Amino acid sequence: MHRTTNSPWLRETRPQNPLWINPRDAEKRGIENGDEIAIDAGRRTAEGVAMVTNGIRPGVVGAMWGWGRSGDGAVEETIDGETRGLVEEDGHTPYQFDEPMTEEAGLAKGRDAGFAINHLQPLDEDLGDTGLSDLVGGSNAQYDAFVEVERK
């Protein structure tokens, strides 16, 4: 999704990334499917939506990568003293599913919808302002973020 977040059609199919949480863990925290939640990893707190599912093990949470962008027109940004505004709306209109006039699909949210997993990552003490890196593959070590989740 990180390369395709600019596609309104894809953002219509999944407008933001929910945080997957096991029903046992959700119950302990008073969280129900669809609740707004706060995700705290000690570095910063992100806001999200809970997806309560048996599709993830107890004691673990998960989320899809690539949401919560702040660049590429997702939010106003200033580069070399020049401020650029948000990208204009994508111009999509609701469309109908198989049975005409019975329901509509959701419109794409903005490019900044959801939360960025990188923002939750603990910082690497040696590299500075970047998340921990996997020593073997060199990629972001997203599995090393320990988070607290609570209902908002």
N, C-alpha and C. Protein backbone atom coordinates (compact mmCIF):
# COMPACT_ATOMS: atom_id res chain seq x y z
N MET A 1 0.82 -1.20 0.00
CA MET A 1 0.00 0.00 0.00
C MET A 1 0.85 1.25 0.00
N HIS A 2 2.11 1.18 0.48
CA HIS A 2 2.91 2.39 0.56
C HIS A 2 3.15 2.99 -0.82
N ARG A 3 3.14 2.20 -1.84
CA ARG A 3 3.33 2.72 -3.20
C ARG A 3 2.00 3.03 -3.88
N THR A 4 0.92 2.58 -3.31
CA THR A 4 -0.37 2.75 -3.98
C THR A 4 -1.37 3.56 -3.16
N THR A 5 -0.91 4.19 -2.09
CA THR A 5 -1.82 4.97 -1.26
C THR A 5 -2.41 6.15 -2.01
N ASN A 6 -1.81 6.51 -3.12
CA ASN A 6 -2.35 7.60 -3.94
C ASN A 6 -3.54 7.15 -4.78
N SER A 7 -3.84 5.87 -4.80
CA SER A 7 -4.96 5.35 -5.59
C SER A 7 -6.26 5.46 -4.80
N PRO A 8 -7.19 6.33 -5.23
CA PRO A 8 -8.45 6.44 -4.51
C PRO A 8 -9.22 5.13 -4.49
N TRP A 9 -9.18 4.35 -5.55
CA TRP A 9 -9.93 3.10 -5.58
C TRP A 9 -9.44 2.17 -4.49
N LEU A 10 -8.13 2.05 -4.32
CA LEU A 10 -7.61 1.17 -3.27
C LEU A 10 -7.96 1.69 -1.89
N ARG A 11 -7.97 3.01 -1.71
CA ARG A 11 -8.34 3.57 -0.41
C ARG A 11 -9.83 3.39 -0.14
N GLU A 12 -10.63 3.22 -1.19
CA GLU A 12 -12.05 2.93 -0.99
C GLU A 12 -12.22 1.51 -0.46
N THR A 13 -11.40 0.57 -0.92
CA THR A 13 -11.54 -0.82 -0.48
C THR A 13 -11.08 -0.98 0.96
N ARG A 14 -10.13 -0.20 1.39
CA ARG A 14 -9.65 -0.22 2.78
C ARG A 14 -9.22 1.21 3.11
N PRO A 15 -10.16 2.03 3.62
CA PRO A 15 -9.86 3.46 3.79
C PRO A 15 -8.83 3.77 4.86
N GLN A 16 -8.59 2.87 5.79
CA GLN A 16 -7.56 3.07 6.81
C GLN A 16 -7.13 1.72 7.34
N ASN A 17 -6.03 1.70 8.06
CA ASN A 17 -5.53 0.44 8.58
C ASN A 17 -6.00 0.24 10.02
N PRO A 18 -6.80 -0.79 10.27
CA PRO A 18 -7.20 -1.07 11.66
C PRO A 18 -6.07 -1.79 12.39
N LEU A 19 -6.15 -1.76 13.71
CA LEU A 19 -5.22 -2.53 14.54
C LEU A 19 -5.90 -3.85 14.87
N TRP A 20 -5.30 -4.94 14.44
CA TRP A 20 -5.83 -6.26 14.74
C TRP A 20 -5.51 -6.60 16.18
N ILE A 21 -6.52 -7.07 16.90
CA ILE A 21 -6.34 -7.44 18.30
C ILE A 21 -7.21 -8.67 18.59
N ASN A 22 -6.66 -9.62 19.32
CA ASN A 22 -7.37 -10.84 19.66
C ASN A 22 -8.53 -10.54 20.61
N PRO A 23 -9.65 -11.27 20.51
CA PRO A 23 -10.80 -11.03 21.39
C PRO A 23 -10.47 -11.08 22.88
N ARG A 24 -9.56 -11.99 23.30
CA ARG A 24 -9.19 -12.06 24.72
C ARG A 24 -8.52 -10.77 25.18
N ASP A 25 -7.60 -10.27 24.38
CA ASP A 25 -6.90 -9.02 24.72
C ASP A 25 -7.86 -7.83 24.67
N ALA A 26 -8.75 -7.84 23.70
CA ALA A 26 -9.72 -6.75 23.57
C ALA A 26 -10.66 -6.71 24.77
N GLU A 27 -11.13 -7.89 25.19
CA GLU A 27 -12.05 -7.96 26.33
C GLU A 27 -11.40 -7.41 27.60
N LYS A 28 -10.13 -7.74 27.83
CA LYS A 28 -9.41 -7.25 29.02
C LYS A 28 -9.36 -5.72 29.04
N ARG A 29 -9.38 -5.11 27.85
CA ARG A 29 -9.24 -3.66 27.74
C ARG A 29 -10.57 -2.95 27.48
N GLY A 30 -11.66 -3.72 27.43
CA GLY A 30 -12.97 -3.13 27.17
C GLY A 30 -13.12 -2.62 25.76
N ILE A 31 -12.41 -3.25 24.83
CA ILE A 31 -12.42 -2.82 23.43
C ILE A 31 -13.33 -3.73 22.62
N GLU A 32 -14.16 -3.12 21.77
CA GLU A 32 -15.01 -3.87 20.85
C GLU A 32 -14.62 -3.53 19.43
N ASN A 33 -15.01 -4.40 18.52
CA ASN A 33 -14.72 -4.20 17.10
C ASN A 33 -15.21 -2.83 16.65
N GLY A 34 -14.35 -2.06 16.00
CA GLY A 34 -14.72 -0.75 15.50
C GLY A 34 -14.48 0.40 16.47
N ASP A 35 -14.09 0.10 17.71
CA ASP A 35 -13.82 1.16 18.69
C ASP A 35 -12.60 1.98 18.28
N GLU A 36 -12.64 3.26 18.61
CA GLU A 36 -11.46 4.10 18.45
C GLU A 36 -10.51 3.79 19.60
N ILE A 37 -9.23 3.68 19.27
CA ILE A 37 -8.24 3.27 20.26
C ILE A 37 -7.02 4.18 20.21
N ALA A 38 -6.23 4.13 21.28
CA ALA A 38 -4.93 4.79 21.33
C ALA A 38 -3.87 3.69 21.39
N ILE A 39 -2.83 3.83 20.58
CA ILE A 39 -1.75 2.86 20.50
C ILE A 39 -0.48 3.59 20.96
N ASP A 40 0.10 3.14 22.05
CA ASP A 40 1.25 3.83 22.64
C ASP A 40 2.44 2.90 22.69
N ALA A 41 3.54 3.31 22.05
CA ALA A 41 4.76 2.52 22.08
C ALA A 41 5.86 3.24 22.85
N GLY A 42 5.50 4.28 23.59
CA GLY A 42 6.48 5.00 24.37
C GLY A 42 7.11 6.16 23.62
N ARG A 43 7.21 6.07 22.32
CA ARG A 43 7.79 7.15 21.52
C ARG A 43 6.75 8.20 21.19
N ARG A 44 5.59 7.74 20.77
CA ARG A 44 4.45 8.61 20.50
C ARG A 44 3.20 7.76 20.50
N THR A 45 2.06 8.40 20.61
CA THR A 45 0.78 7.69 20.62
C THR A 45 0.09 7.92 19.29
N ALA A 46 -0.44 6.86 18.72
CA ALA A 46 -1.20 6.96 17.46
C ALA A 46 -2.65 6.60 17.75
N GLU A 47 -3.54 7.14 16.95
CA GLU A 47 -4.95 6.82 17.06
C GLU A 47 -5.30 5.84 15.96
N GLY A 48 -6.20 4.90 16.28
CA GLY A 48 -6.60 3.91 15.30
C GLY A 48 -7.98 3.37 15.60
N VAL A 49 -8.35 2.35 14.84
CA VAL A 49 -9.63 1.68 15.00
C VAL A 49 -9.34 0.20 15.24
N ALA A 50 -10.02 -0.39 16.22
CA ALA A 50 -9.79 -1.79 16.57
C ALA A 50 -10.52 -2.73 15.61
N MET A 51 -9.82 -3.78 15.23
CA MET A 51 -10.43 -4.88 14.48
C MET A 51 -10.24 -6.12 15.35
N VAL A 52 -11.28 -6.49 16.09
CA VAL A 52 -11.21 -7.63 17.00
C VAL A 52 -11.38 -8.90 16.18
N THR A 53 -10.37 -9.76 16.21
CA THR A 53 -10.38 -10.94 15.35
C THR A 53 -9.58 -12.08 15.96
N ASN A 54 -10.05 -13.30 15.74
CA ASN A 54 -9.28 -14.48 16.12
C ASN A 54 -8.15 -14.74 15.13
N GLY A 55 -8.02 -13.89 14.13
CA GLY A 55 -6.97 -14.04 13.12
C GLY A 55 -5.60 -13.60 13.61
N ILE A 56 -5.51 -13.20 14.87
CA ILE A 56 -4.21 -12.84 15.43
C ILE A 56 -4.12 -13.44 16.83
N ARG A 57 -2.93 -13.86 17.21
CA ARG A 57 -2.72 -14.55 18.50
C ARG A 57 -2.92 -13.60 19.67
N PRO A 58 -3.32 -14.14 20.82
CA PRO A 58 -3.36 -13.32 22.03
C PRO A 58 -1.96 -12.80 22.36
N GLY A 59 -1.91 -11.58 22.90
CA GLY A 59 -0.62 -10.99 23.28
C GLY A 59 0.10 -10.29 22.16
N VAL A 60 -0.48 -10.32 20.96
CA VAL A 60 0.14 -9.71 19.78
C VAL A 60 -0.90 -8.83 19.10
N VAL A 61 -0.48 -7.71 18.55
CA VAL A 61 -1.35 -6.92 17.70
C VAL A 61 -0.69 -6.79 16.35
N GLY A 62 -1.47 -6.44 15.36
CA GLY A 62 -0.92 -6.29 14.02
C GLY A 62 -1.64 -5.20 13.26
N ALA A 63 -0.99 -4.69 12.24
CA ALA A 63 -1.61 -3.67 11.40
C ALA A 63 -0.97 -3.71 10.02
N MET A 64 -1.70 -3.25 9.05
CA MET A 64 -1.17 -3.15 7.70
C MET A 64 -0.27 -1.93 7.58
N TRP A 65 0.77 -2.09 6.84
CA TRP A 65 1.78 -1.06 6.64
C TRP A 65 1.29 -0.07 5.57
N GLY A 66 1.76 1.14 5.61
CA GLY A 66 1.58 2.05 4.48
C GLY A 66 0.54 3.14 4.66
N TRP A 67 -0.17 3.19 5.76
CA TRP A 67 -1.14 4.25 5.98
C TRP A 67 -0.52 5.36 6.83
N GLY A 68 -1.29 6.43 7.06
CA GLY A 68 -0.82 7.51 7.91
C GLY A 68 0.28 8.34 7.29
N ARG A 69 0.23 8.49 5.99
CA ARG A 69 1.27 9.25 5.29
C ARG A 69 1.26 10.72 5.66
N SER A 70 2.39 11.34 5.56
CA SER A 70 2.44 12.78 5.78
C SER A 70 3.04 13.49 4.58
N GLY A 71 3.49 12.77 3.58
CA GLY A 71 4.08 13.37 2.38
C GLY A 71 3.23 13.14 1.16
N ASP A 72 3.72 13.58 0.03
CA ASP A 72 3.09 13.35 -1.27
C ASP A 72 1.68 13.92 -1.34
N GLY A 73 1.49 15.09 -0.73
CA GLY A 73 0.19 15.74 -0.80
C GLY A 73 -0.81 15.30 0.24
N ALA A 74 -0.39 14.44 1.18
CA ALA A 74 -1.32 13.97 2.21
C ALA A 74 -1.64 15.09 3.20
N VAL A 75 -0.66 15.88 3.54
CA VAL A 75 -0.84 17.02 4.43
C VAL A 75 -0.08 18.21 3.83
N GLU A 76 -0.39 19.40 4.31
CA GLU A 76 0.33 20.58 3.84
C GLU A 76 1.81 20.43 4.22
N GLU A 77 2.70 20.77 3.29
CA GLU A 77 4.12 20.64 3.58
C GLU A 77 4.89 21.81 2.99
N THR A 78 6.00 22.17 3.62
CA THR A 78 6.85 23.26 3.16
C THR A 78 8.21 22.68 2.81
N ILE A 79 8.62 22.92 1.57
CA ILE A 79 9.91 22.44 1.08
C ILE A 79 10.65 23.63 0.50
N ASP A 80 11.86 23.87 0.96
CA ASP A 80 12.67 25.00 0.50
C ASP A 80 11.89 26.31 0.55
N GLY A 81 11.11 26.49 1.62
CA GLY A 81 10.37 27.73 1.82
C GLY A 81 9.08 27.84 1.03
N GLU A 82 8.78 26.87 0.20
CA GLU A 82 7.55 26.89 -0.60
C GLU A 82 6.53 25.93 0.02
N THR A 83 5.36 26.47 0.38
CA THR A 83 4.32 25.65 1.01
C THR A 83 3.37 25.13 -0.06
N ARG A 84 3.14 23.84 0.00
CA ARG A 84 2.18 23.19 -0.91
C ARG A 84 1.00 22.70 -0.08
N GLY A 85 -0.19 22.90 -0.60
CA GLY A 85 -1.40 22.45 0.09
C GLY A 85 -1.68 20.98 -0.15
N LEU A 86 -2.80 20.54 0.40
CA LEU A 86 -3.23 19.15 0.21
C LEU A 86 -3.59 18.89 -1.24
N VAL A 87 -3.51 17.64 -1.63
CA VAL A 87 -3.98 17.25 -2.95
C VAL A 87 -5.49 17.43 -2.98
N GLU A 88 -5.99 17.93 -4.09
CA GLU A 88 -7.43 18.14 -4.22
C GLU A 88 -8.16 16.81 -4.09
N GLU A 89 -9.45 16.87 -3.80
CA GLU A 89 -10.24 15.65 -3.71
C GLU A 89 -10.14 14.86 -5.01
N ASP A 90 -10.32 13.56 -4.90
CA ASP A 90 -10.12 12.69 -6.05
C ASP A 90 -11.28 12.67 -7.03
N GLY A 91 -12.41 13.26 -6.66
CA GLY A 91 -13.53 13.35 -7.58
C GLY A 91 -14.37 12.10 -7.70
N HIS A 92 -14.20 11.15 -6.82
CA HIS A 92 -15.01 9.94 -6.87
C HIS A 92 -16.41 10.20 -6.34
N THR A 93 -17.35 9.47 -6.87
CA THR A 93 -18.72 9.54 -6.38
C THR A 93 -19.13 8.14 -5.94
N PRO A 94 -20.11 8.03 -5.04
CA PRO A 94 -20.55 6.70 -4.62
C PRO A 94 -21.00 5.86 -5.82
N TYR A 95 -20.77 4.58 -5.75
CA TYR A 95 -21.22 3.69 -6.81
C TYR A 95 -22.02 2.57 -6.20
N GLN A 96 -22.70 1.80 -7.04
CA GLN A 96 -23.61 0.77 -6.56
C GLN A 96 -22.98 -0.61 -6.70
N PHE A 97 -23.37 -1.51 -5.78
CA PHE A 97 -22.92 -2.88 -5.87
C PHE A 97 -23.85 -3.68 -6.78
N ASP A 98 -23.92 -5.00 -6.62
CA ASP A 98 -24.66 -5.87 -7.53
C ASP A 98 -26.14 -5.55 -7.63
N GLU A 99 -26.77 -5.16 -6.52
CA GLU A 99 -28.19 -4.83 -6.55
C GLU A 99 -28.33 -3.32 -6.59
N PRO A 100 -28.66 -2.77 -7.74
CA PRO A 100 -28.72 -1.32 -7.87
C PRO A 100 -29.65 -0.69 -6.84
N MET A 101 -29.24 0.46 -6.34
CA MET A 101 -30.01 1.29 -5.43
C MET A 101 -30.16 0.68 -4.03
N THR A 102 -29.33 -0.30 -3.66
CA THR A 102 -29.47 -0.88 -2.34
C THR A 102 -28.39 -0.41 -1.36
N GLU A 103 -27.19 -0.17 -1.81
CA GLU A 103 -26.17 0.36 -0.93
C GLU A 103 -25.07 1.03 -1.75
N GLU A 104 -24.28 1.85 -1.08
CA GLU A 104 -23.21 2.56 -1.75
C GLU A 104 -21.89 2.20 -1.10
N ALA A 105 -20.83 2.31 -1.87
CA ALA A 105 -19.51 2.08 -1.30
C ALA A 105 -19.03 3.36 -0.62
N GLY A 106 -18.10 3.21 0.28
CA GLY A 106 -17.52 4.38 0.92
C GLY A 106 -16.56 5.09 -0.01
N LEU A 107 -16.48 6.37 0.17
CA LEU A 107 -15.51 7.13 -0.61
C LEU A 107 -14.15 7.03 0.05
N ALA A 108 -13.12 7.21 -0.74
CA ALA A 108 -11.77 7.17 -0.20
C ALA A 108 -11.56 8.29 0.79
N LYS A 109 -10.91 7.97 1.89
CA LYS A 109 -10.50 9.00 2.84
C LYS A 109 -9.23 9.64 2.29
N GLY A 110 -8.72 10.63 3.01
CA GLY A 110 -7.49 11.30 2.58
C GLY A 110 -6.29 10.39 2.64
N ARG A 111 -5.22 10.83 2.01
CA ARG A 111 -3.99 10.04 1.97
C ARG A 111 -3.34 9.92 3.33
N ASP A 112 -3.78 10.73 4.30
CA ASP A 112 -3.19 10.66 5.63
C ASP A 112 -4.01 9.81 6.60
N ALA A 113 -5.06 9.13 6.12
CA ALA A 113 -5.92 8.32 6.99
C ALA A 113 -5.15 7.16 7.59
N GLY A 114 -5.56 6.74 8.76
CA GLY A 114 -4.90 5.63 9.44
C GLY A 114 -3.68 6.10 10.21
N PHE A 115 -2.85 5.16 10.61
CA PHE A 115 -1.65 5.50 11.37
C PHE A 115 -0.43 4.85 10.73
N ALA A 116 0.70 5.51 10.87
CA ALA A 116 1.95 5.00 10.31
C ALA A 116 2.67 4.16 11.36
N ILE A 117 2.94 2.93 11.02
CA ILE A 117 3.64 2.04 11.93
C ILE A 117 5.04 2.57 12.25
N ASN A 118 5.69 3.19 11.29
CA ASN A 118 7.02 3.74 11.54
C ASN A 118 7.02 4.74 12.69
N HIS A 119 5.90 5.45 12.88
CA HIS A 119 5.84 6.44 13.95
C HIS A 119 5.80 5.81 15.33
N LEU A 120 5.48 4.53 15.40
CA LEU A 120 5.42 3.82 16.67
C LEU A 120 6.73 3.11 17.01
N GLN A 121 7.58 2.95 16.01
CA GLN A 121 8.81 2.19 16.21
C GLN A 121 9.73 2.85 17.22
N PRO A 122 10.37 2.06 18.09
CA PRO A 122 11.40 2.64 18.95
C PRO A 122 12.57 3.10 18.09
N LEU A 123 13.23 4.17 18.51
CA LEU A 123 14.35 4.69 17.74
C LEU A 123 15.60 3.86 17.97
N ASP A 124 16.38 3.72 16.92
CA ASP A 124 17.65 3.03 16.99
C ASP A 124 18.68 3.98 17.61
N GLU A 125 19.27 3.59 18.73
CA GLU A 125 20.21 4.46 19.44
C GLU A 125 21.44 4.80 18.60
N ASP A 126 21.87 3.89 17.74
CA ASP A 126 23.07 4.14 16.93
C ASP A 126 22.77 4.96 15.68
N LEU A 127 21.59 4.76 15.09
CA LEU A 127 21.27 5.44 13.83
C LEU A 127 20.60 6.79 14.03
N GLY A 128 20.03 7.03 15.21
CA GLY A 128 19.40 8.32 15.46
C GLY A 128 17.91 8.28 15.19
N ASP A 129 17.43 9.21 14.38
CA ASP A 129 16.00 9.38 14.16
C ASP A 129 15.46 8.41 13.11
N THR A 130 15.60 7.14 13.39
CA THR A 130 15.04 6.11 12.53
C THR A 130 14.73 4.90 13.41
N GLY A 131 13.78 4.10 12.97
CA GLY A 131 13.39 2.93 13.75
C GLY A 131 14.46 1.87 13.77
N LEU A 132 14.27 0.90 14.66
CA LEU A 132 15.21 -0.22 14.73
C LEU A 132 15.28 -0.96 13.40
N SER A 133 16.47 -1.45 13.08
CA SER A 133 16.67 -2.20 11.85
C SER A 133 16.94 -3.66 12.15
N ASP A 134 16.46 -4.52 11.26
CA ASP A 134 16.73 -5.94 11.34
C ASP A 134 18.21 -6.15 11.02
N LEU A 135 18.96 -6.77 11.90
CA LEU A 135 20.40 -6.93 11.71
C LEU A 135 20.74 -7.83 10.53
N VAL A 136 19.85 -8.76 10.19
CA VAL A 136 20.13 -9.69 9.10
C VAL A 136 19.76 -9.07 7.75
N GLY A 137 18.53 -8.59 7.63
CA GLY A 137 18.07 -8.09 6.34
C GLY A 137 18.20 -6.59 6.15
N GLY A 138 18.38 -5.84 7.25
CA GLY A 138 18.54 -4.40 7.14
C GLY A 138 17.24 -3.62 7.03
N SER A 139 16.11 -4.31 6.97
CA SER A 139 14.84 -3.61 6.86
C SER A 139 14.35 -3.17 8.23
N ASN A 140 13.27 -2.41 8.25
CA ASN A 140 12.69 -1.94 9.50
C ASN A 140 12.26 -3.12 10.35
N ALA A 141 12.60 -3.11 11.62
CA ALA A 141 12.28 -4.22 12.53
C ALA A 141 10.93 -3.96 13.19
N GLN A 142 9.87 -3.99 12.39
CA GLN A 142 8.53 -3.67 12.90
C GLN A 142 8.04 -4.65 13.95
N TYR A 143 8.63 -5.81 14.03
CA TYR A 143 8.19 -6.80 15.02
C TYR A 143 8.76 -6.51 16.41
N ASP A 144 9.59 -5.51 16.53
CA ASP A 144 10.22 -5.19 17.80
C ASP A 144 9.56 -4.04 18.54
N ALA A 145 8.39 -3.62 18.12
CA ALA A 145 7.68 -2.54 18.79
C ALA A 145 6.69 -3.14 19.79
N PHE A 146 6.86 -2.82 21.05
CA PHE A 146 5.95 -3.26 22.08
C PHE A 146 5.00 -2.11 22.35
N VAL A 147 3.70 -2.38 22.28
CA VAL A 147 2.70 -1.31 22.40
C VAL A 147 1.69 -1.59 23.49
N GLU A 148 1.11 -0.53 23.99
CA GLU A 148 -0.05 -0.60 24.88
C GLU A 148 -1.24 -0.08 24.08
N VAL A 149 -2.38 -0.73 24.24
CA VAL A 149 -3.57 -0.36 23.50
C VAL A 149 -4.69 -0.09 24.50
N GLU A 150 -5.37 1.03 24.32
CA GLU A 150 -6.52 1.31 25.18
C GLU A 150 -7.64 1.98 24.38
N ARG A 151 -8.83 1.77 24.86
CA ARG A 151 -10.02 2.36 24.23
C ARG A 151 -10.03 3.86 24.52
N LYS A 152 -10.38 4.65 23.52
CA LYS A 152 -10.44 6.11 23.69
C LYS A 152 -11.76 6.53 24.29
